[in-house]
Amino acid sequence: LEEPFNDIKNIKKSYKTLFEQAKELDKVVFLTDEQKKDVEA
């Protein structure tokens, strides 16, 4: 997330590209359930 790191829709540009291209990957590994849930939201 972009600063101040609490708006789940305010995503860093590099991560937007990553999540939009996730179909080209085999897996994306998160370290916490909270972060995975925020991305899936």
PDB file of all heavy atoms in Angstrom:
ATOM      1  N   LEU A   1       0.818  -1.210   0.000  1.00  0.00           N
ATOM      2  CA  LEU A   1       0.000   0.000   0.000  1.00  0.00           C
ATOM      3  C   LEU A   1       0.853   1.262   0.000  1.00  0.00           C
ATOM      4  O   LEU A   1       1.955   1.287   0.542  1.00  0.00           O
ATOM      5  CB  LEU A   1      -0.909   0.016   1.241  1.00  0.00           C
ATOM      6  CG  LEU A   1      -1.853  -1.185   1.405  1.00  0.00           C
ATOM      7  CD1 LEU A   1      -2.608  -1.074   2.706  1.00  0.00           C
ATOM      8  CD2 LEU A   1      -2.806  -1.288   0.212  1.00  0.00           C
ATOM      9  N   GLU A   2       0.295   2.305  -0.604  1.00  0.00           N
ATOM     10  CA  GLU A   2       0.934   3.616  -0.561  1.00  0.00           C
ATOM     11  C   GLU A   2       0.761   4.227   0.831  1.00  0.00           C
ATOM     12  O   GLU A   2      -0.165   3.876   1.570  1.00  0.00           O
ATOM     13  CB  GLU A   2       0.303   4.560  -1.600  1.00  0.00           C
ATOM     14  CG  GLU A   2       0.597   4.196  -3.046  1.00  0.00           C
ATOM     15  CD  GLU A   2       1.977   4.652  -3.519  1.00  0.00           C
ATOM     16  OE1 GLU A   2       2.796   5.057  -2.658  1.00  0.00           O
ATOM     17  OE2 GLU A   2       2.211   4.608  -4.729  1.00  0.00           O
ATOM     18  N   GLU A   3       1.658   5.138   1.167  1.00  0.00           N
ATOM     19  CA  GLU A   3       1.550   5.852   2.430  1.00  0.00           C
ATOM     20  C   GLU A   3       0.200   6.567   2.516  1.00  0.00           C
ATOM     21  O   GLU A   3      -0.255   7.106   1.510  1.00  0.00           O
ATOM     22  CB  GLU A   3       2.698   6.872   2.506  1.00  0.00           C
ATOM     23  CG  GLU A   3       2.957   7.385   3.894  1.00  0.00           C
ATOM     24  CD  GLU A   3       4.247   8.201   3.979  1.00  0.00           C
ATOM     25  OE1 GLU A   3       5.028   8.201   3.012  1.00  0.00           O
ATOM     26  OE2 GLU A   3       4.453   8.834   5.022  1.00  0.00           O
ATOM     27  N   PRO A   4      -0.508   6.536   3.639  1.00  0.00           N
ATOM     28  CA  PRO A   4      -0.087   6.097   4.974  1.00  0.00           C
ATOM     29  C   PRO A   4      -0.320   4.615   5.274  1.00  0.00           C
ATOM     30  O   PRO A   4      -0.430   4.246   6.443  1.00  0.00           O
ATOM     31  CB  PRO A   4      -0.922   6.987   5.883  1.00  0.00           C
ATOM     32  CG  PRO A   4      -2.205   7.191   5.138  1.00  0.00           C
ATOM     33  CD  PRO A   4      -1.818   7.233   3.686  1.00  0.00           C
ATOM     34  N   PHE A   5      -0.407   3.776   4.245  1.00  0.00           N
ATOM     35  CA  PHE A   5      -0.380   2.320   4.391  1.00  0.00           C
ATOM     36  C   PHE A   5      -1.631   1.730   5.059  1.00  0.00           C
ATOM     37  O   PHE A   5      -1.557   0.670   5.682  1.00  0.00           O
ATOM     38  CB  PHE A   5       0.857   1.863   5.176  1.00  0.00           C
ATOM     39  CG  PHE A   5       2.128   2.555   4.774  1.00  0.00           C
ATOM     40  CD1 PHE A   5       2.775   3.418   5.637  1.00  0.00           C
ATOM     41  CD2 PHE A   5       2.670   2.348   3.509  1.00  0.00           C
ATOM     42  CE1 PHE A   5       3.942   4.070   5.265  1.00  0.00           C
ATOM     43  CE2 PHE A   5       3.843   2.987   3.125  1.00  0.00           C
ATOM     44  CZ  PHE A   5       4.474   3.851   4.005  1.00  0.00           C
ATOM     45  N   ASN A   6      -2.772   2.395   4.914  1.00  0.00           N
ATOM     46  CA  ASN A   6      -3.977   1.831   5.532  1.00  0.00           C
ATOM     47  C   ASN A   6      -5.201   1.806   4.612  1.00  0.00           C
ATOM     48  O   ASN A   6      -6.236   1.271   4.994  1.00  0.00           O
ATOM     49  CB  ASN A   6      -4.328   2.599   6.815  1.00  0.00           C
ATOM     50  CG  ASN A   6      -4.444   4.099   6.595  1.00  0.00           C
ATOM     51  OD1 ASN A   6      -4.581   4.561   5.462  1.00  0.00           O
ATOM     52  ND2 ASN A   6      -4.383   4.857   7.690  1.00  0.00           N
ATOM     53  N   ASP A   7      -5.094   2.372   3.409  1.00  0.00           N
ATOM     54  CA  ASP A   7      -6.198   2.342   2.441  1.00  0.00           C
ATOM     55  C   ASP A   7      -5.943   1.191   1.487  1.00  0.00           C
ATOM     56  O   ASP A   7      -5.029   1.243   0.657  1.00  0.00           O
ATOM     57  CB  ASP A   7      -6.268   3.669   1.686  1.00  0.00           C
ATOM     58  CG  ASP A   7      -7.401   3.713   0.663  1.00  0.00           C
ATOM     59  OD1 ASP A   7      -8.071   2.678   0.461  1.00  0.00           O
ATOM     60  OD2 ASP A   7      -7.595   4.779   0.050  1.00  0.00           O
ATOM     61  N   ILE A   8      -6.746   0.135   1.568  1.00  0.00           N
ATOM     62  CA  ILE A   8      -6.460  -1.085   0.797  1.00  0.00           C
ATOM     63  C   ILE A   8      -6.621  -0.886  -0.712  1.00  0.00           C
ATOM     64  O   ILE A   8      -6.178  -1.733  -1.498  1.00  0.00           O
ATOM     65  CB  ILE A   8      -7.320  -2.277   1.272  1.00  0.00           C
ATOM     66  CG1 ILE A   8      -8.810  -2.046   0.979  1.00  0.00           C
ATOM     67  CG2 ILE A   8      -7.081  -2.558   2.742  1.00  0.00           C
ATOM     68  CD1 ILE A   8      -9.659  -3.288   1.200  1.00  0.00           C
ATOM     69  N   LYS A   9      -7.231   0.234  -1.118  1.00  0.00           N
ATOM     70  CA  LYS A   9      -7.376   0.512  -2.552  1.00  0.00           C
ATOM     71  C   LYS A   9      -6.246   1.385  -3.097  1.00  0.00           C
ATOM     72  O   LYS A   9      -6.105   1.525  -4.313  1.00  0.00           O
ATOM     73  CB  LYS A   9      -8.723   1.186  -2.821  1.00  0.00           C
ATOM     74  CG  LYS A   9      -9.920   0.276  -2.553  1.00  0.00           C
ATOM     75  CD  LYS A   9     -11.226   0.984  -2.859  1.00  0.00           C
ATOM     76  CE  LYS A   9     -12.414   0.074  -2.584  1.00  0.00           C
ATOM     77  NZ  LYS A   9     -13.708   0.760  -2.836  1.00  0.00           N
ATOM     78  N   ASN A  10      -5.474   1.959  -2.202  1.00  0.00           N
ATOM     79  CA  ASN A  10      -4.379   2.848  -2.603  1.00  0.00           C
ATOM     80  C   ASN A  10      -3.098   2.017  -2.712  1.00  0.00           C
ATOM     81  O   ASN A  10      -2.277   1.979  -1.794  1.00  0.00           O
ATOM     82  CB  ASN A  10      -4.215   3.975  -1.581  1.00  0.00           C
ATOM     83  CG  ASN A  10      -3.260   5.048  -2.057  1.00  0.00           C
ATOM     84  OD1 ASN A  10      -2.923   5.133  -3.244  1.00  0.00           O
ATOM     85  ND2 ASN A  10      -2.803   5.875  -1.140  1.00  0.00           N
ATOM     86  N   ILE A  11      -2.940   1.372  -3.861  1.00  0.00           N
ATOM     87  CA  ILE A  11      -1.883   0.367  -4.042  1.00  0.00           C
ATOM     88  C   ILE A  11      -0.705   0.955  -4.820  1.00  0.00           C
ATOM     89  O   ILE A  11      -0.889   1.719  -5.774  1.00  0.00           O
ATOM     90  CB  ILE A  11      -2.459  -0.862  -4.786  1.00  0.00           C
ATOM     91  CG1 ILE A  11      -3.560  -1.505  -3.928  1.00  0.00           C
ATOM     92  CG2 ILE A  11      -1.378  -1.877  -5.112  1.00  0.00           C
ATOM     93  CD1 ILE A  11      -4.363  -2.561  -4.646  1.00  0.00           C
ATOM     94  N   LYS A  12       0.496   0.602  -4.399  1.00  0.00           N
ATOM     95  CA  LYS A  12       1.704   1.060  -5.079  1.00  0.00           C
ATOM     96  C   LYS A  12       1.686   0.604  -6.534  1.00  0.00           C
ATOM     97  O   LYS A  12       1.231  -0.504  -6.849  1.00  0.00           O
ATOM     98  CB  LYS A  12       2.947   0.509  -4.377  1.00  0.00           C
ATOM     99  CG  LYS A  12       3.155   1.044  -2.980  1.00  0.00           C
ATOM    100  CD  LYS A  12       4.305   0.321  -2.282  1.00  0.00           C
ATOM    101  CE  LYS A  12       4.450   0.790  -0.840  1.00  0.00           C
ATOM    102  NZ  LYS A  12       5.451  -0.007  -0.088  1.00  0.00           N
ATOM    103  N   LYS A  13       2.216   1.439  -7.406  1.00  0.00           N
ATOM    104  CA  LYS A  13       2.188   1.170  -8.853  1.00  0.00           C
ATOM    105  C   LYS A  13       2.823  -0.162  -9.193  1.00  0.00           C
ATOM    106  O   LYS A  13       2.297  -0.937 -10.000  1.00  0.00           O
ATOM    107  CB  LYS A  13       2.899   2.299  -9.595  1.00  0.00           C
ATOM    108  CG  LYS A  13       2.831   2.181 -11.096  1.00  0.00           C
ATOM    109  CD  LYS A  13       3.513   3.369 -11.779  1.00  0.00           C
ATOM    110  CE  LYS A  13       3.471   3.218 -13.300  1.00  0.00           C
ATOM    111  NZ  LYS A  13       4.149   4.362 -13.971  1.00  0.00           N
ATOM    112  N   SER A  14       3.973  -0.467  -8.576  1.00  0.00           N
ATOM    113  CA  SER A  14       4.668  -1.719  -8.889  1.00  0.00           C
ATOM    114  C   SER A  14       3.825  -2.925  -8.517  1.00  0.00           C
ATOM    115  O   SER A  14       3.847  -3.953  -9.206  1.00  0.00           O
ATOM    116  CB  SER A  14       6.011  -1.776  -8.158  1.00  0.00           C
ATOM    117  OG  SER A  14       5.832  -1.702  -6.756  1.00  0.00           O
ATOM    118  N   TYR A  15       3.054  -2.807  -7.427  1.00  0.00           N
ATOM    119  CA  TYR A  15       2.206  -3.926  -7.005  1.00  0.00           C
ATOM    120  C   TYR A  15       0.969  -4.053  -7.877  1.00  0.00           C
ATOM    121  O   TYR A  15       0.473  -5.161  -8.104  1.00  0.00           O
ATOM    122  CB  TYR A  15       1.817  -3.762  -5.539  1.00  0.00           C
ATOM    123  CG  TYR A  15       2.876  -4.253  -4.591  1.00  0.00           C
ATOM    124  CD1 TYR A  15       3.775  -3.368  -4.014  1.00  0.00           C
ATOM    125  CD2 TYR A  15       2.987  -5.599  -4.287  1.00  0.00           C
ATOM    126  CE1 TYR A  15       4.749  -3.811  -3.143  1.00  0.00           C
ATOM    127  CE2 TYR A  15       3.957  -6.059  -3.425  1.00  0.00           C
ATOM    128  CZ  TYR A  15       4.837  -5.165  -2.846  1.00  0.00           C
ATOM    129  OH  TYR A  15       5.817  -5.615  -1.993  1.00  0.00           O
ATOM    130  N   LYS A  16       0.449  -2.923  -8.361  1.00  0.00           N
ATOM    131  CA  LYS A  16      -0.685  -2.991  -9.292  1.00  0.00           C
ATOM    132  C   LYS A  16      -0.293  -3.835 -10.496  1.00  0.00           C
ATOM    133  O   LYS A  16      -1.044  -4.712 -10.934  1.00  0.00           O
ATOM    134  CB  LYS A  16      -1.090  -1.584  -9.751  1.00  0.00           C
ATOM    135  CG  LYS A  16      -1.884  -0.794  -8.740  1.00  0.00           C
ATOM    136  CD  LYS A  16      -2.266   0.569  -9.328  1.00  0.00           C
ATOM    137  CE  LYS A  16      -3.044   1.387  -8.320  1.00  0.00           C
ATOM    138  NZ  LYS A  16      -3.378   2.735  -8.857  1.00  0.00           N
ATOM    139  N   THR A  17       0.881  -3.551 -11.042  1.00  0.00           N
ATOM    140  CA  THR A  17       1.372  -4.312 -12.200  1.00  0.00           C
ATOM    141  C   THR A  17       1.487  -5.785 -11.857  1.00  0.00           C
ATOM    142  O   THR A  17       1.071  -6.663 -12.633  1.00  0.00           O
ATOM    143  CB  THR A  17       2.748  -3.775 -12.647  1.00  0.00           C
ATOM    144  OG1 THR A  17       2.627  -2.382 -12.920  1.00  0.00           O
ATOM    145  CG2 THR A  17       3.239  -4.509 -13.884  1.00  0.00           C
ATOM    146  N   LEU A  18       2.035  -6.079 -10.676  1.00  0.00           N
ATOM    147  CA  LEU A  18       2.212  -7.466 -10.263  1.00  0.00           C
ATOM    148  C   LEU A  18       0.877  -8.193 -10.141  1.00  0.00           C
ATOM    149  O   LEU A  18       0.698  -9.281 -10.710  1.00  0.00           O
ATOM    150  CB  LEU A  18       2.944  -7.511  -8.919  1.00  0.00           C
ATOM    151  CG  LEU A  18       2.972  -8.876  -8.217  1.00  0.00           C
ATOM    152  CD1 LEU A  18       3.763  -9.888  -9.039  1.00  0.00           C
ATOM    153  CD2 LEU A  18       3.542  -8.744  -6.816  1.00  0.00           C
ATOM    154  N   PHE A  19      -0.074  -7.620  -9.429  1.00  0.00           N
ATOM    155  CA  PHE A  19      -1.355  -8.290  -9.203  1.00  0.00           C
ATOM    156  C   PHE A  19      -2.155  -8.433 -10.496  1.00  0.00           C
ATOM    157  O   PHE A  19      -2.870  -9.418 -10.688  1.00  0.00           O
ATOM    158  CB  PHE A  19      -2.164  -7.548  -8.140  1.00  0.00           C
ATOM    159  CG  PHE A  19      -1.498  -7.526  -6.785  1.00  0.00           C
ATOM    160  CD1 PHE A  19      -1.509  -6.375  -6.009  1.00  0.00           C
ATOM    161  CD2 PHE A  19      -0.859  -8.656  -6.289  1.00  0.00           C
ATOM    162  CE1 PHE A  19      -0.899  -6.354  -4.777  1.00  0.00           C
ATOM    163  CE2 PHE A  19      -0.242  -8.639  -5.049  1.00  0.00           C
ATOM    164  CZ  PHE A  19      -0.257  -7.487  -4.280  1.00  0.00           C
ATOM    165  N   GLU A  20      -2.010  -7.440 -11.381  1.00  0.00           N
ATOM    166  CA  GLU A  20      -2.717  -7.523 -12.666  1.00  0.00           C
ATOM    167  C   GLU A  20      -2.125  -8.596 -13.573  1.00  0.00           C
ATOM    168  O   GLU A  20      -2.807  -9.118 -14.464  1.00  0.00           O
ATOM    169  CB  GLU A  20      -2.690  -6.161 -13.364  1.00  0.00           C
ATOM    170  CG  GLU A  20      -3.600  -5.126 -12.692  1.00  0.00           C
ATOM    171  CD  GLU A  20      -3.313  -3.696 -13.129  1.00  0.00           C
ATOM    172  OE1 GLU A  20      -2.411  -3.526 -13.991  1.00  0.00           O
ATOM    173  OE2 GLU A  20      -3.965  -2.769 -12.614  1.00  0.00           O
ATOM    174  N   GLN A  21      -0.839  -8.920 -13.356  1.00  0.00           N
ATOM    175  CA  GLN A  21      -0.175  -9.939 -14.168  1.00  0.00           C
ATOM    176  C   GLN A  21      -0.027 -11.271 -13.441  1.00  0.00           C
ATOM    177  O   GLN A  21       0.729 -12.140 -13.873  1.00  0.00           O
ATOM    178  CB  GLN A  21       1.206  -9.430 -14.606  1.00  0.00           C
ATOM    179  CG  GLN A  21       1.139  -8.217 -15.523  1.00  0.00           C
ATOM    180  CD  GLN A  21       2.513  -7.715 -15.931  1.00  0.00           C
ATOM    181  OE1 GLN A  21       3.437  -7.638 -15.125  1.00  0.00           O
ATOM    182  NE2 GLN A  21       2.663  -7.379 -17.211  1.00  0.00           N
ATOM    183  N   ALA A  22      -0.762 -11.426 -12.349  1.00  0.00           N
ATOM    184  CA  ALA A  22      -0.631 -12.641 -11.529  1.00  0.00           C
ATOM    185  C   ALA A  22      -0.955 -13.911 -12.311  1.00  0.00           C
ATOM    186  O   ALA A  22      -0.448 -14.987 -11.999  1.00  0.00           O
ATOM    187  CB  ALA A  22      -1.531 -12.543 -10.305  1.00  0.00           C
ATOM    188  N   LYS A  23      -1.777 -13.775 -13.360  1.00  0.00           N
ATOM    189  CA  LYS A  23      -2.138 -14.949 -14.166  1.00  0.00           C
ATOM    190  C   LYS A  23      -0.923 -15.561 -14.862  1.00  0.00           C
ATOM    191  O   LYS A  23      -0.939 -16.734 -15.244  1.00  0.00           O
ATOM    192  CB  LYS A  23      -3.207 -14.579 -15.199  1.00  0.00           C
ATOM    193  CG  LYS A  23      -2.803 -13.517 -16.197  1.00  0.00           C
ATOM    194  CD  LYS A  23      -3.937 -13.229 -17.166  1.00  0.00           C
ATOM    195  CE  LYS A  23      -3.555 -12.178 -18.207  1.00  0.00           C
ATOM    196  NZ  LYS A  23      -3.350 -10.852 -17.628  1.00  0.00           N
ATOM    197  N   GLU A  24       0.126 -14.763 -15.046  1.00  0.00           N
ATOM    198  CA  GLU A  24       1.339 -15.266 -15.694  1.00  0.00           C
ATOM    199  C   GLU A  24       2.274 -15.980 -14.715  1.00  0.00           C
ATOM    200  O   GLU A  24       3.301 -16.522 -15.111  1.00  0.00           O
ATOM    201  CB  GLU A  24       2.090 -14.110 -16.360  1.00  0.00           C
ATOM    202  CG  GLU A  24       1.282 -13.427 -17.464  1.00  0.00           C
ATOM    203  CD  GLU A  24       2.047 -12.273 -18.095  1.00  0.00           C
ATOM    204  OE1 GLU A  24       3.276 -12.409 -18.243  1.00  0.00           O
ATOM    205  OE2 GLU A  24       1.406 -11.254 -18.435  1.00  0.00           O
ATOM    206  N   LEU A  25       1.905 -15.970 -13.423  1.00  0.00           N
ATOM    207  CA  LEU A  25       2.711 -16.609 -12.394  1.00  0.00           C
ATOM    208  C   LEU A  25       2.051 -17.904 -11.940  1.00  0.00           C
ATOM    209  O   LEU A  25       0.861 -18.124 -12.169  1.00  0.00           O
ATOM    210  CB  LEU A  25       2.885 -15.664 -11.203  1.00  0.00           C
ATOM    211  CG  LEU A  25       3.497 -14.297 -11.499  1.00  0.00           C
ATOM    212  CD1 LEU A  25       3.436 -13.412 -10.270  1.00  0.00           C
ATOM    213  CD2 LEU A  25       4.938 -14.446 -11.980  1.00  0.00           C
ATOM    214  N   ASP A  26       2.815 -18.741 -11.276  1.00  0.00           N
ATOM    215  CA  ASP A  26       2.249 -19.983 -10.731  1.00  0.00           C
ATOM    216  C   ASP A  26       1.728 -19.786  -9.317  1.00  0.00           C
ATOM    217  O   ASP A  26       0.720 -20.373  -8.941  1.00  0.00           O
ATOM    218  CB  ASP A  26       3.311 -21.093 -10.760  1.00  0.00           C
ATOM    219  CG  ASP A  26       3.682 -21.483 -12.170  1.00  0.00           C
ATOM    220  OD1 ASP A  26       2.921 -22.256 -12.775  1.00  0.00           O
ATOM    221  OD2 ASP A  26       4.707 -21.006 -12.681  1.00  0.00           O
ATOM    222  N   LYS A  27       2.399 -18.962  -8.523  1.00  0.00           N
ATOM    223  CA  LYS A  27       1.951 -18.680  -7.167  1.00  0.00           C
ATOM    224  C   LYS A  27       2.418 -17.287  -6.727  1.00  0.00           C
ATOM    225  O   LYS A  27       3.481 -16.815  -7.139  1.00  0.00           O
ATOM    226  CB  LYS A  27       2.497 -19.701  -6.161  1.00  0.00           C
ATOM    227  CG  LYS A  27       1.784 -21.050  -6.160  1.00  0.00           C
ATOM    228  CD  LYS A  27       0.361 -20.942  -5.609  1.00  0.00           C
ATOM    229  CE  LYS A  27      -0.337 -22.298  -5.642  1.00  0.00           C
ATOM    230  NZ  LYS A  27      -1.756 -22.198  -5.190  1.00  0.00           N
ATOM    231  N   VAL A  28       1.611 -16.665  -5.893  1.00  0.00           N
ATOM    232  CA  VAL A  28       2.009 -15.440  -5.194  1.00  0.00           C
ATOM    233  C   VAL A  28       1.902 -15.751  -3.708  1.00  0.00           C
ATOM    234  O   VAL A  28       0.829 -16.106  -3.219  1.00  0.00           O
ATOM    235  CB  VAL A  28       1.108 -14.244  -5.559  1.00  0.00           C
ATOM    236  CG1 VAL A  28       1.494 -13.019  -4.739  1.00  0.00           C
ATOM    237  CG2 VAL A  28       1.194 -13.937  -7.049  1.00  0.00           C
ATOM    238  N   VAL A  29       3.018 -15.640  -2.989  1.00  0.00           N
ATOM    239  CA  VAL A  29       3.069 -16.016  -1.584  1.00  0.00           C
ATOM    240  C   VAL A  29       3.042 -14.770  -0.706  1.00  0.00           C
ATOM    241  O   VAL A  29       3.905 -13.891  -0.825  1.00  0.00           O
ATOM    242  CB  VAL A  29       4.339 -16.839  -1.275  1.00  0.00           C
ATOM    243  CG1 VAL A  29       4.407 -17.189   0.213  1.00  0.00           C
ATOM    244  CG2 VAL A  29       4.374 -18.106  -2.122  1.00  0.00           C
ATOM    245  N   PHE A  30       2.034 -14.693   0.174  1.00  0.00           N
ATOM    246  CA  PHE A  30       1.950 -13.633   1.174  1.00  0.00           C
ATOM    247  C   PHE A  30       2.456 -14.175   2.507  1.00  0.00           C
ATOM    248  O   PHE A  30       2.448 -15.383   2.752  1.00  0.00           O
ATOM    249  CB  PHE A  30       0.508 -13.148   1.326  1.00  0.00           C
ATOM    250  CG  PHE A  30      -0.065 -12.504   0.091  1.00  0.00           C
ATOM    251  CD1 PHE A  30      -0.761 -13.271  -0.848  1.00  0.00           C
ATOM    252  CD2 PHE A  30       0.089 -11.154  -0.140  1.00  0.00           C
ATOM    253  CE1 PHE A  30      -1.296 -12.687  -1.985  1.00  0.00           C
ATOM    254  CE2 PHE A  30      -0.444 -10.554  -1.288  1.00  0.00           C
ATOM    255  CZ  PHE A  30      -1.128 -11.328  -2.214  1.00  0.00           C
ATOM    256  N   LEU A  31       2.849 -13.263   3.386  1.00  0.00           N
ATOM    257  CA  LEU A  31       3.341 -13.677   4.697  1.00  0.00           C
ATOM    258  C   LEU A  31       2.259 -13.645   5.769  1.00  0.00           C
ATOM    259  O   LEU A  31       2.425 -14.254   6.826  1.00  0.00           O
ATOM    260  CB  LEU A  31       4.505 -12.775   5.129  1.00  0.00           C
ATOM    261  CG  LEU A  31       5.699 -12.720   4.171  1.00  0.00           C
ATOM    262  CD1 LEU A  31       6.769 -11.783   4.717  1.00  0.00           C
ATOM    263  CD2 LEU A  31       6.287 -14.104   3.945  1.00  0.00           C
ATOM    264  N   THR A  32       1.166 -12.922   5.502  1.00  0.00           N
ATOM    265  CA  THR A  32       0.078 -12.852   6.480  1.00  0.00           C
ATOM    266  C   THR A  32      -1.272 -13.010   5.793  1.00  0.00           C
ATOM    267  O   THR A  32      -1.450 -12.644   4.626  1.00  0.00           O
ATOM    268  CB  THR A  32       0.071 -11.496   7.233  1.00  0.00           C
ATOM    269  OG1 THR A  32      -0.236 -10.448   6.306  1.00  0.00           O
ATOM    270  CG2 THR A  32       1.416 -11.231   7.900  1.00  0.00           C
ATOM    271  N   ASP A  33      -2.247 -13.528   6.555  1.00  0.00           N
ATOM    272  CA  ASP A  33      -3.609 -13.672   6.038  1.00  0.00           C
ATOM    273  C   ASP A  33      -4.225 -12.311   5.766  1.00  0.00           C
ATOM    274  O   ASP A  33      -4.963 -12.139   4.788  1.00  0.00           O
ATOM    275  CB  ASP A  33      -4.480 -14.427   7.060  1.00  0.00           C
ATOM    276  CG  ASP A  33      -4.130 -15.903   7.140  1.00  0.00           C
ATOM    277  OD1 ASP A  33      -4.081 -16.549   6.085  1.00  0.00           O
ATOM    278  OD2 ASP A  33      -3.906 -16.403   8.256  1.00  0.00           O
ATOM    279  N   GLU A  34      -3.933 -11.332   6.626  1.00  0.00           N
ATOM    280  CA  GLU A  34      -4.522 -10.003   6.477  1.00  0.00           C
ATOM    281  C   GLU A  34      -4.152  -9.378   5.141  1.00  0.00           C
ATOM    282  O   GLU A  34      -5.005  -8.798   4.449  1.00  0.00           O
ATOM    283  CB  GLU A  34      -4.081  -9.095   7.623  1.00  0.00           C
ATOM    284  CG  GLU A  34      -4.750  -7.728   7.587  1.00  0.00           C
ATOM    285  CD  GLU A  34      -4.222  -6.782   8.643  1.00  0.00           C
ATOM    286  OE1 GLU A  34      -3.233  -7.118   9.330  1.00  0.00           O
ATOM    287  OE2 GLU A  34      -4.787  -5.673   8.765  1.00  0.00           O
ATOM    288  N   GLN A  35      -2.889  -9.490   4.741  1.00  0.00           N
ATOM    289  CA  GLN A  35      -2.468  -8.883   3.477  1.00  0.00           C
ATOM    290  C   GLN A  35      -3.127  -9.584   2.289  1.00  0.00           C
ATOM    291  O   GLN A  35      -3.582  -8.939   1.347  1.00  0.00           O
ATOM    292  CB  GLN A  35      -0.952  -8.924   3.343  1.00  0.00           C
ATOM    293  CG  GLN A  35      -0.449  -8.109   2.153  1.00  0.00           C
ATOM    294  CD  GLN A  35       1.056  -7.955   2.111  1.00  0.00           C
ATOM    295  OE1 GLN A  35       1.795  -8.721   2.736  1.00  0.00           O
ATOM    296  NE2 GLN A  35       1.534  -6.968   1.377  1.00  0.00           N
ATOM    297  N   LYS A  36      -3.201 -10.892   2.334  1.00  0.00           N
ATOM    298  CA  LYS A  36      -3.855 -11.649   1.255  1.00  0.00           C
ATOM    299  C   LYS A  36      -5.329 -11.241   1.138  1.00  0.00           C
ATOM    300  O   LYS A  36      -5.840 -11.003   0.033  1.00  0.00           O
ATOM    301  CB  LYS A  36      -3.740 -13.147   1.521  1.00  0.00           C
ATOM    302  CG  LYS A  36      -4.496 -14.042   0.535  1.00  0.00           C
ATOM    303  CD  LYS A  36      -4.245 -15.508   0.833  1.00  0.00           C
ATOM    304  CE  LYS A  36      -5.088 -16.433  -0.025  1.00  0.00           C
ATOM    305  NZ  LYS A  36      -6.507 -16.492   0.434  1.00  0.00           N
ATOM    306  N   LYS A  37      -6.007 -11.125   2.264  1.00  0.00           N
ATOM    307  CA  LYS A  37      -7.428 -10.745   2.252  1.00  0.00           C
ATOM    308  C   LYS A  37      -7.616  -9.345   1.692  1.00  0.00           C
ATOM    309  O   LYS A  37      -8.570  -9.083   0.952  1.00  0.00           O
ATOM    310  CB  LYS A  37      -8.004 -10.829   3.671  1.00  0.00           C
ATOM    311  CG  LYS A  37      -8.205 -12.254   4.161  1.00  0.00           C
ATOM    312  CD  LYS A  37      -8.656 -12.276   5.617  1.00  0.00           C
ATOM    313  CE  LYS A  37      -8.780 -13.708   6.122  1.00  0.00           C
ATOM    314  NZ  LYS A  37      -9.092 -13.752   7.580  1.00  0.00           N
ATOM    315  N   ASP A  38      -6.712  -8.427   2.040  1.00  0.00           N
ATOM    316  CA  ASP A  38      -6.813  -7.052   1.529  1.00  0.00           C
ATOM    317  C   ASP A  38      -6.636  -7.010   0.017  1.00  0.00           C
ATOM    318  O   ASP A  38      -7.334  -6.263  -0.684  1.00  0.00           O
ATOM    319  CB  ASP A  38      -5.761  -6.166   2.199  1.00  0.00           C
ATOM    320  CG  ASP A  38      -6.180  -5.735   3.601  1.00  0.00           C
ATOM    321  OD1 ASP A  38      -7.306  -6.064   4.016  1.00  0.00           O
ATOM    322  OD2 ASP A  38      -5.366  -5.069   4.276  1.00  0.00           O
ATOM    323  N   VAL A  39      -5.711  -7.797  -0.506  1.00  0.00           N
ATOM    324  CA  VAL A  39      -5.483  -7.829  -1.957  1.00  0.00           C
ATOM    325  C   VAL A  39      -6.695  -8.453  -2.657  1.00  0.00           C
ATOM    326  O   VAL A  39      -7.164  -7.951  -3.690  1.00  0.00           O
ATOM    327  CB  VAL A  39      -4.199  -8.606  -2.293  1.00  0.00           C
ATOM    328  CG1 VAL A  39      -4.064  -8.803  -3.808  1.00  0.00           C
ATOM    329  CG2 VAL A  39      -2.973  -7.873  -1.766  1.00  0.00           C
ATOM    330  N   GLU A  40      -7.225  -9.528  -2.089  1.00  0.00           N
ATOM    331  CA  GLU A  40      -8.383 -10.188  -2.709  1.00  0.00           C
ATOM    332  C   GLU A  40      -9.633  -9.316  -2.620  1.00  0.00           C
ATOM    333  O   GLU A  40     -10.532  -9.425  -3.471  1.00  0.00           O
ATOM    334  CB  GLU A  40      -8.621 -11.537  -2.039  1.00  0.00           C
ATOM    335  CG  GLU A  40      -7.543 -12.554  -2.395  1.00  0.00           C
ATOM    336  CD  GLU A  40      -7.822 -13.947  -1.860  1.00  0.00           C
ATOM    337  OE1 GLU A  40      -8.403 -14.050  -0.760  1.00  0.00           O
ATOM    338  OE2 GLU A  40      -7.465 -14.922  -2.541  1.00  0.00           O
ATOM    339  N   ALA A  41      -9.704  -8.437  -1.623  1.00  0.00           N
ATOM    340  CA  ALA A  41     -10.842  -7.523  -1.522  1.00  0.00           C
ATOM    341  C   ALA A  41     -10.873  -6.556  -2.694  1.00  0.00           C
ATOM    342  O   ALA A  41     -11.933  -6.056  -3.084  1.00  0.00           O
ATOM    343  CB  ALA A  41     -10.775  -6.751  -0.206  1.00  0.00           C
TER     344      ALA A  41
END
